[in-house]
Amino acid sequence: MADFLEETRGEITRRLDELKPLVDEYSRLEAAAAALDGVGGRSAGAGGTLTRGSRPGRRPGSGSKAGASTPRRGTGRKPGRAAKRRGGRPKGSGSRAAEALEAVKGQPGITIKELGAKLGTSPNYLYRVMPGLQKEGKAKKKGNGWHAA
């Protein structure tokens, strides 16, 4: 009986260890979805899900893919005029950029992949953040590694 209990406890512990990263990811995605609710004029229904009929990545009223071959209408702007930029916070002023910069200061020569693992974020995201810090003169790239300026 004691062997059965120990074996069961071991199985439960191993399974909990397997599921922990998934639960953490779920929490991060849930927080991101909550932060995005209402951004860009899209409304979320109950529970943070998109309303019936809406699909991510499609213009409102686009319907199905069947009409995808029809040409798109113009933007309504006169040719040669640039679109106005939206306001908002400056590029690279987020807390992730600051965290990345601190990690680079703490470990000069760190690669994007190592930086992503250290910060718990996607390296793809950091490939957008780090060049912004480089343009601002806060970080420099030497080979594959990043250094504080």
N, C-alpha and C. Protein backbone atom coordinates (compact mmCIF):
# COMPACT_ATOMS: atom_id res chain seq x y z
N MET A 1 0.83 -1.20 0.00
CA MET A 1 0.00 0.00 0.00
C MET A 1 0.87 1.26 0.00
N ALA A 2 1.95 1.25 0.79
CA ALA A 2 2.84 2.40 0.87
C ALA A 2 3.52 2.64 -0.48
N ASP A 3 3.88 1.56 -1.21
CA ASP A 3 4.50 1.70 -2.53
C ASP A 3 3.53 2.36 -3.50
N PHE A 4 2.28 1.97 -3.44
CA PHE A 4 1.26 2.54 -4.33
C PHE A 4 1.12 4.03 -4.08
N LEU A 5 1.08 4.44 -2.80
CA LEU A 5 0.95 5.85 -2.47
C LEU A 5 2.16 6.65 -2.95
N GLU A 6 3.35 6.13 -2.74
CA GLU A 6 4.56 6.82 -3.17
C GLU A 6 4.61 6.94 -4.69
N GLU A 7 4.22 5.87 -5.37
CA GLU A 7 4.20 5.88 -6.84
C GLU A 7 3.19 6.91 -7.36
N THR A 8 2.02 6.95 -6.74
CA THR A 8 0.98 7.90 -7.13
C THR A 8 1.44 9.33 -6.87
N ARG A 9 2.03 9.56 -5.70
CA ARG A 9 2.56 10.90 -5.39
C ARG A 9 3.62 11.31 -6.42
N GLY A 10 4.48 10.39 -6.78
CA GLY A 10 5.52 10.67 -7.77
C GLY A 10 4.92 11.03 -9.13
N GLU A 11 3.90 10.28 -9.55
CA GLU A 11 3.24 10.57 -10.83
C GLU A 11 2.58 11.95 -10.81
N ILE A 12 1.93 12.26 -9.71
CA ILE A 12 1.26 13.57 -9.59
C ILE A 12 2.29 14.69 -9.62
N THR A 13 3.39 14.51 -8.90
CA THR A 13 4.43 15.53 -8.87
C THR A 13 5.03 15.74 -10.25
N ARG A 14 5.31 14.65 -10.97
CA ARG A 14 5.86 14.77 -12.32
C ARG A 14 4.88 15.48 -13.25
N ARG A 15 3.61 15.13 -13.14
CA ARG A 15 2.61 15.76 -14.00
C ARG A 15 2.46 17.25 -13.68
N LEU A 16 2.50 17.60 -12.40
CA LEU A 16 2.44 19.02 -12.01
C LEU A 16 3.63 19.78 -12.59
N ASP A 17 4.81 19.16 -12.56
CA ASP A 17 6.00 19.80 -13.13
C ASP A 17 5.85 20.01 -14.64
N GLU A 18 5.20 19.06 -15.33
CA GLU A 18 4.96 19.19 -16.77
C GLU A 18 3.97 20.31 -17.08
N LEU A 19 2.94 20.46 -16.25
CA LEU A 19 1.87 21.41 -16.53
C LEU A 19 2.17 22.84 -16.10
N LYS A 20 3.11 23.02 -15.17
CA LYS A 20 3.39 24.36 -14.65
C LYS A 20 3.71 25.38 -15.74
N PRO A 21 4.61 25.07 -16.70
CA PRO A 21 4.88 26.07 -17.75
C PRO A 21 3.63 26.42 -18.56
N LEU A 22 2.76 25.45 -18.78
CA LEU A 22 1.55 25.72 -19.54
C LEU A 22 0.59 26.62 -18.78
N VAL A 23 0.52 26.42 -17.47
CA VAL A 23 -0.34 27.27 -16.64
C VAL A 23 0.21 28.69 -16.62
N ASP A 24 1.53 28.81 -16.52
CA ASP A 24 2.16 30.14 -16.55
C ASP A 24 1.90 30.84 -17.88
N GLU A 25 2.03 30.09 -18.98
CA GLU A 25 1.77 30.67 -20.29
C GLU A 25 0.32 31.10 -20.41
N TYR A 26 -0.60 30.27 -19.91
CA TYR A 26 -2.02 30.61 -19.94
C TYR A 26 -2.27 31.92 -19.19
N SER A 27 -1.65 32.09 -18.04
CA SER A 27 -1.83 33.32 -17.26
C SER A 27 -1.31 34.53 -18.02
N ARG A 28 -0.13 34.39 -18.66
CA ARG A 28 0.42 35.51 -19.43
C ARG A 28 -0.48 35.85 -20.61
N LEU A 29 -0.98 34.83 -21.33
CA LEU A 29 -1.85 35.08 -22.47
C LEU A 29 -3.18 35.69 -22.04
N GLU A 30 -3.70 35.24 -20.92
CA GLU A 30 -4.95 35.78 -20.40
C GLU A 30 -4.77 37.27 -20.05
N ALA A 31 -3.64 37.61 -19.44
CA ALA A 31 -3.37 39.01 -19.10
C ALA A 31 -3.20 39.85 -20.36
N ALA A 32 -2.54 39.29 -21.38
CA ALA A 32 -2.36 40.01 -22.64
C ALA A 32 -3.70 40.23 -23.33
N ALA A 33 -4.56 39.22 -23.32
CA ALA A 33 -5.88 39.35 -23.94
C ALA A 33 -6.70 40.42 -23.22
N ALA A 34 -6.60 40.46 -21.91
CA ALA A 34 -7.33 41.47 -21.14
C ALA A 34 -6.81 42.87 -21.45
N ALA A 35 -5.50 42.98 -21.63
CA ALA A 35 -4.91 44.28 -21.94
C ALA A 35 -5.31 44.75 -23.33
N LEU A 36 -5.54 43.81 -24.24
CA LEU A 36 -5.89 44.16 -25.61
C LEU A 36 -7.38 44.39 -25.84
N ASP A 37 -8.20 44.06 -24.84
CA ASP A 37 -9.64 44.26 -25.00
C ASP A 37 -9.93 45.71 -25.33
N GLY A 38 -10.63 45.91 -26.42
CA GLY A 38 -11.02 47.25 -26.81
C GLY A 38 -9.97 48.02 -27.57
N VAL A 39 -8.75 47.52 -27.71
CA VAL A 39 -7.72 48.22 -28.45
C VAL A 39 -8.02 48.11 -29.93
N GLY A 40 -7.92 49.20 -30.65
CA GLY A 40 -8.14 49.18 -32.09
C GLY A 40 -9.60 49.06 -32.48
N GLY A 41 -10.50 49.39 -31.57
CA GLY A 41 -11.92 49.39 -31.90
C GLY A 41 -12.56 48.03 -31.90
N ARG A 42 -11.84 47.00 -31.52
CA ARG A 42 -12.43 45.66 -31.49
C ARG A 42 -13.00 45.42 -30.12
N SER A 43 -14.16 44.84 -30.08
CA SER A 43 -14.78 44.59 -28.79
C SER A 43 -14.72 43.11 -28.48
N ALA A 44 -14.59 42.81 -27.23
CA ALA A 44 -14.55 41.42 -26.79
C ALA A 44 -15.86 41.09 -26.12
N GLY A 45 -16.28 39.87 -26.32
CA GLY A 45 -17.50 39.41 -25.67
C GLY A 45 -17.19 38.93 -24.28
N ALA A 46 -18.08 38.16 -23.71
CA ALA A 46 -17.90 37.64 -22.36
C ALA A 46 -16.67 36.75 -22.30
N GLY A 47 -15.91 36.91 -21.28
CA GLY A 47 -14.75 36.06 -21.07
C GLY A 47 -13.55 36.45 -21.91
N GLY A 48 -13.59 37.62 -22.57
CA GLY A 48 -12.44 38.06 -23.34
C GLY A 48 -12.35 37.45 -24.71
N THR A 49 -13.39 36.76 -25.17
CA THR A 49 -13.35 36.17 -26.50
C THR A 49 -13.94 37.14 -27.50
N LEU A 50 -13.57 36.99 -28.75
CA LEU A 50 -14.09 37.86 -29.78
C LEU A 50 -15.58 37.61 -29.97
N THR A 51 -16.30 38.64 -30.39
CA THR A 51 -17.74 38.49 -30.58
C THR A 51 -18.02 37.61 -31.78
N ARG A 52 -19.20 37.07 -31.83
CA ARG A 52 -19.58 36.16 -32.90
C ARG A 52 -19.46 36.87 -34.25
N GLY A 53 -18.84 36.20 -35.20
CA GLY A 53 -18.69 36.75 -36.53
C GLY A 53 -17.36 37.45 -36.75
N SER A 54 -16.66 37.80 -35.69
CA SER A 54 -15.38 38.47 -35.88
C SER A 54 -14.27 37.43 -35.87
N ARG A 55 -13.24 37.69 -36.64
CA ARG A 55 -12.12 36.78 -36.71
C ARG A 55 -10.84 37.60 -36.63
N PRO A 56 -9.86 37.13 -35.92
CA PRO A 56 -8.63 37.89 -35.81
C PRO A 56 -7.96 38.04 -37.18
N GLY A 57 -7.39 39.20 -37.43
CA GLY A 57 -6.65 39.41 -38.65
C GLY A 57 -7.48 39.79 -39.85
N ARG A 58 -8.75 40.00 -39.68
CA ARG A 58 -9.61 40.37 -40.80
C ARG A 58 -10.24 41.72 -40.55
N ARG A 59 -10.49 42.43 -41.64
CA ARG A 59 -11.18 43.70 -41.53
C ARG A 59 -12.63 43.43 -41.19
N PRO A 60 -13.26 44.30 -40.43
CA PRO A 60 -14.68 44.12 -40.12
C PRO A 60 -15.50 44.06 -41.40
N GLY A 61 -16.40 43.10 -41.46
CA GLY A 61 -17.29 42.95 -42.61
C GLY A 61 -16.65 42.26 -43.79
N SER A 62 -15.47 41.66 -43.60
CA SER A 62 -14.81 41.04 -44.73
C SER A 62 -15.44 39.70 -45.09
N GLY A 63 -16.20 39.12 -44.18
CA GLY A 63 -16.89 37.86 -44.47
C GLY A 63 -15.92 36.71 -44.60
N SER A 64 -16.16 35.85 -45.60
CA SER A 64 -15.34 34.66 -45.75
C SER A 64 -14.21 34.91 -46.73
N LYS A 65 -13.39 33.90 -46.93
CA LYS A 65 -12.27 34.01 -47.84
C LYS A 65 -12.72 34.00 -49.31
N ALA A 66 -13.97 33.69 -49.57
CA ALA A 66 -14.46 33.59 -50.94
C ALA A 66 -14.28 34.89 -51.70
N GLY A 67 -14.44 36.02 -51.06
CA GLY A 67 -14.31 37.31 -51.72
C GLY A 67 -12.90 37.86 -51.70
N ALA A 68 -11.93 37.04 -51.31
CA ALA A 68 -10.56 37.52 -51.16
C ALA A 68 -9.92 37.90 -52.49
N SER A 69 -10.46 37.37 -53.61
CA SER A 69 -9.85 37.66 -54.90
C SER A 69 -10.30 39.00 -55.46
N THR A 70 -11.31 39.63 -54.86
CA THR A 70 -11.76 40.92 -55.35
C THR A 70 -10.77 41.99 -54.95
N PRO A 71 -10.52 42.98 -55.83
CA PRO A 71 -9.54 44.01 -55.49
C PRO A 71 -10.00 44.87 -54.34
N ARG A 72 -9.03 45.34 -53.54
CA ARG A 72 -9.34 46.19 -52.40
C ARG A 72 -9.53 47.61 -52.86
N ARG A 73 -10.41 48.30 -52.21
CA ARG A 73 -10.61 49.71 -52.52
C ARG A 73 -9.49 50.54 -51.92
N GLY A 74 -9.36 51.76 -52.40
CA GLY A 74 -8.30 52.66 -51.93
C GLY A 74 -8.53 53.09 -50.50
N THR A 75 -7.58 53.83 -49.98
CA THR A 75 -7.63 54.28 -48.59
C THR A 75 -8.45 55.54 -48.43
N GLY A 76 -8.81 56.21 -49.54
CA GLY A 76 -9.56 57.44 -49.44
C GLY A 76 -8.67 58.67 -49.35
N ARG A 77 -7.36 58.48 -49.30
CA ARG A 77 -6.42 59.59 -49.25
C ARG A 77 -6.03 59.97 -50.67
N LYS A 78 -5.60 61.21 -50.80
CA LYS A 78 -5.09 61.66 -52.09
C LYS A 78 -3.72 61.05 -52.30
N PRO A 79 -3.37 60.72 -53.53
CA PRO A 79 -2.04 60.14 -53.80
C PRO A 79 -0.93 61.09 -53.37
N GLY A 80 0.11 60.52 -52.83
CA GLY A 80 1.27 61.30 -52.43
C GLY A 80 1.19 61.87 -51.03
N ARG A 81 0.08 61.70 -50.36
CA ARG A 81 -0.03 62.22 -48.99
C ARG A 81 0.27 61.10 -48.00
N ALA A 82 1.07 61.42 -47.04
CA ALA A 82 1.42 60.44 -46.02
C ALA A 82 0.32 60.37 -44.97
N ALA A 83 0.15 59.20 -44.41
CA ALA A 83 -0.84 59.02 -43.34
C ALA A 83 -0.32 59.67 -42.07
N LYS A 84 -1.22 60.20 -41.27
CA LYS A 84 -0.82 60.80 -39.99
C LYS A 84 -0.44 59.69 -39.03
N ARG A 85 0.57 59.95 -38.23
CA ARG A 85 0.98 58.97 -37.23
C ARG A 85 0.12 59.12 -36.00
N ARG A 86 -0.20 58.02 -35.43
CA ARG A 86 -0.96 58.03 -34.18
C ARG A 86 -0.05 58.40 -33.03
N GLY A 87 -0.63 58.95 -32.01
CA GLY A 87 0.13 59.28 -30.80
C GLY A 87 0.42 58.03 -30.01
N GLY A 88 0.90 58.19 -28.85
CA GLY A 88 1.19 57.05 -27.99
C GLY A 88 2.57 57.19 -27.39
N ARG A 89 2.97 56.19 -26.69
CA ARG A 89 4.28 56.27 -26.05
C ARG A 89 5.37 56.07 -27.09
N PRO A 90 6.54 56.64 -26.83
CA PRO A 90 7.65 56.52 -27.78
C PRO A 90 8.10 55.07 -27.90
N LYS A 91 8.56 54.73 -29.08
CA LYS A 91 9.05 53.38 -29.34
C LYS A 91 10.24 53.08 -28.43
N GLY A 92 10.24 51.91 -27.82
CA GLY A 92 11.35 51.51 -26.96
C GLY A 92 11.27 52.05 -25.55
N SER A 93 10.15 52.69 -25.20
CA SER A 93 10.05 53.25 -23.85
C SER A 93 9.34 52.31 -22.88
N GLY A 94 9.01 51.11 -23.33
CA GLY A 94 8.31 50.16 -22.48
C GLY A 94 9.21 49.53 -21.44
N SER A 95 8.61 48.84 -20.51
CA SER A 95 9.39 48.23 -19.44
C SER A 95 10.23 47.06 -19.94
N ARG A 96 9.78 46.38 -21.01
CA ARG A 96 10.56 45.27 -21.56
C ARG A 96 11.90 45.76 -22.09
N ALA A 97 11.89 46.92 -22.74
CA ALA A 97 13.14 47.48 -23.26
C ALA A 97 14.09 47.79 -22.10
N ALA A 98 13.54 48.33 -21.03
CA ALA A 98 14.36 48.64 -19.85
C ALA A 98 14.91 47.36 -19.22
N GLU A 99 14.07 46.33 -19.15
CA GLU A 99 14.51 45.05 -18.60
C GLU A 99 15.61 44.46 -19.47
N ALA A 100 15.45 44.54 -20.79
CA ALA A 100 16.44 44.00 -21.71
C ALA A 100 17.76 44.75 -21.55
N LEU A 101 17.69 46.05 -21.42
CA LEU A 101 18.89 46.86 -21.26
C LEU A 101 19.62 46.51 -19.96
N GLU A 102 18.87 46.32 -18.89
CA GLU A 102 19.48 45.95 -17.61
C GLU A 102 20.16 44.58 -17.71
N ALA A 103 19.52 43.65 -18.41
CA ALA A 103 20.10 42.31 -18.58
C ALA A 103 21.39 42.40 -19.40
N VAL A 104 21.41 43.27 -20.41
CA VAL A 104 22.61 43.44 -21.24
C VAL A 104 23.73 44.07 -20.41
N LYS A 105 23.37 45.03 -19.54
CA LYS A 105 24.38 45.63 -18.67
C LYS A 105 24.96 44.59 -17.72
N GLY A 106 24.11 43.70 -17.23
CA GLY A 106 24.54 42.68 -16.29
C GLY A 106 25.35 41.56 -16.93
N GLN A 107 25.13 41.34 -18.23
CA GLN A 107 25.82 40.26 -18.92
C GLN A 107 26.20 40.73 -20.33
N PRO A 108 27.27 41.52 -20.46
CA PRO A 108 27.68 42.01 -21.77
C PRO A 108 27.98 40.85 -22.72
N GLY A 109 27.59 41.02 -23.98
CA GLY A 109 27.82 39.99 -24.98
C GLY A 109 26.70 38.97 -25.06
N ILE A 110 25.61 39.20 -24.34
CA ILE A 110 24.49 38.26 -24.32
C ILE A 110 23.81 38.24 -25.69
N THR A 111 23.41 37.06 -26.14
CA THR A 111 22.71 36.94 -27.42
C THR A 111 21.21 37.13 -27.22
N ILE A 112 20.50 37.35 -28.31
CA ILE A 112 19.05 37.53 -28.24
C ILE A 112 18.38 36.28 -27.65
N LYS A 113 18.86 35.12 -28.06
CA LYS A 113 18.26 33.87 -27.57
C LYS A 113 18.45 33.75 -26.05
N GLU A 114 19.66 34.04 -25.58
CA GLU A 114 19.93 33.99 -24.14
C GLU A 114 19.12 35.05 -23.40
N LEU A 115 19.00 36.22 -24.02
CA LEU A 115 18.24 37.31 -23.41
C LEU A 115 16.77 36.92 -23.29
N GLY A 116 16.23 36.28 -24.32
CA GLY A 116 14.83 35.83 -24.27
C GLY A 116 14.60 34.82 -23.16
N ALA A 117 15.55 33.88 -23.02
CA ALA A 117 15.42 32.88 -21.96
C ALA A 117 15.51 33.53 -20.58
N LYS A 118 16.40 34.51 -20.45
CA LYS A 118 16.60 35.17 -19.16
C LYS A 118 15.37 36.00 -18.76
N LEU A 119 14.77 36.68 -19.75
CA LEU A 119 13.61 37.53 -19.46
C LEU A 119 12.28 36.78 -19.54
N GLY A 120 12.32 35.57 -20.07
CA GLY A 120 11.08 34.80 -20.20
C GLY A 120 10.17 35.36 -21.29
N THR A 121 10.77 35.85 -22.36
CA THR A 121 10.00 36.39 -23.47
C THR A 121 10.51 35.81 -24.78
N SER A 122 9.76 36.04 -25.84
CA SER A 122 10.10 35.49 -27.14
C SER A 122 11.30 36.22 -27.74
N PRO A 123 12.26 35.48 -28.28
CA PRO A 123 13.38 36.13 -28.96
C PRO A 123 12.90 36.99 -30.14
N ASN A 124 11.81 36.57 -30.81
CA ASN A 124 11.28 37.35 -31.94
C ASN A 124 10.92 38.76 -31.49
N TYR A 125 10.37 38.89 -30.31
CA TYR A 125 10.01 40.20 -29.77
C TYR A 125 11.27 41.02 -29.54
N LEU A 126 12.30 40.38 -29.03
CA LEU A 126 13.55 41.10 -28.73
C LEU A 126 14.27 41.53 -30.00
N TYR A 127 14.04 40.84 -31.11
CA TYR A 127 14.63 41.27 -32.38
C TYR A 127 14.04 42.61 -32.82
N ARG A 128 12.90 43.01 -32.27
CA ARG A 128 12.33 44.32 -32.54
C ARG A 128 12.77 45.34 -31.49
N VAL A 129 12.94 44.91 -30.25
CA VAL A 129 13.27 45.82 -29.16
C VAL A 129 14.72 46.28 -29.22
N MET A 130 15.64 45.35 -29.43
CA MET A 130 17.07 45.68 -29.35
C MET A 130 17.53 46.68 -30.41
N PRO A 131 17.09 46.57 -31.68
CA PRO A 131 17.49 47.61 -32.64
C PRO A 131 16.98 49.01 -32.25
N GLY A 132 15.83 49.07 -31.59
CA GLY A 132 15.33 50.35 -31.09
C GLY A 132 16.26 50.94 -30.05
N LEU A 133 16.76 50.09 -29.15
CA LEU A 133 17.73 50.54 -28.14
C LEU A 133 19.05 50.95 -28.80
N GLN A 134 19.39 50.27 -29.89
CA GLN A 134 20.61 50.60 -30.61
C GLN A 134 20.48 51.97 -31.28
N LYS A 135 19.31 52.26 -31.86
CA LYS A 135 19.08 53.56 -32.49
C LYS A 135 19.15 54.69 -31.47
N GLU A 136 18.68 54.41 -30.26
CA GLU A 136 18.70 55.42 -29.20
C GLU A 136 20.09 55.57 -28.58
N GLY A 137 21.02 54.71 -28.99
CA GLY A 137 22.38 54.79 -28.46
C GLY A 137 22.55 54.15 -27.10
N LYS A 138 21.60 53.31 -26.70
CA LYS A 138 21.67 52.68 -25.39
C LYS A 138 22.35 51.32 -25.42
N ALA A 139 22.38 50.69 -26.59
CA ALA A 139 22.98 49.36 -26.72
C ALA A 139 23.74 49.29 -28.04
N LYS A 140 24.74 48.39 -28.09
CA LYS A 140 25.52 48.17 -29.30
C LYS A 140 25.57 46.67 -29.57
N LYS A 141 25.58 46.32 -30.85
CA LYS A 141 25.71 44.92 -31.22
C LYS A 141 27.13 44.66 -31.69
N LYS A 142 27.76 43.66 -31.11
CA LYS A 142 29.10 43.24 -31.52
C LYS A 142 29.04 41.76 -31.81
N GLY A 143 29.15 41.41 -33.08
CA GLY A 143 28.99 40.01 -33.46
C GLY A 143 27.55 39.59 -33.22
N ASN A 144 27.36 38.52 -32.47
CA ASN A 144 26.01 38.06 -32.14
C ASN A 144 25.55 38.59 -30.78
N GLY A 145 26.46 39.21 -30.04
CA GLY A 145 26.14 39.64 -28.69
C GLY A 145 25.81 41.12 -28.61
N TRP A 146 25.14 41.48 -27.53
CA TRP A 146 24.74 42.87 -27.28
C TRP A 146 25.48 43.40 -26.06
N HIS A 147 25.85 44.67 -26.14
CA HIS A 147 26.58 45.34 -25.07
C HIS A 147 25.89 46.67 -24.77
N ALA A 148 25.96 47.12 -23.53
CA ALA A 148 25.43 48.44 -23.18
C ALA A 148 26.35 49.51 -23.76
N ALA A 149 25.76 50.59 -24.24
CA ALA A 149 26.55 51.67 -24.86
C ALA A 149 27.24 52.51 -23.81
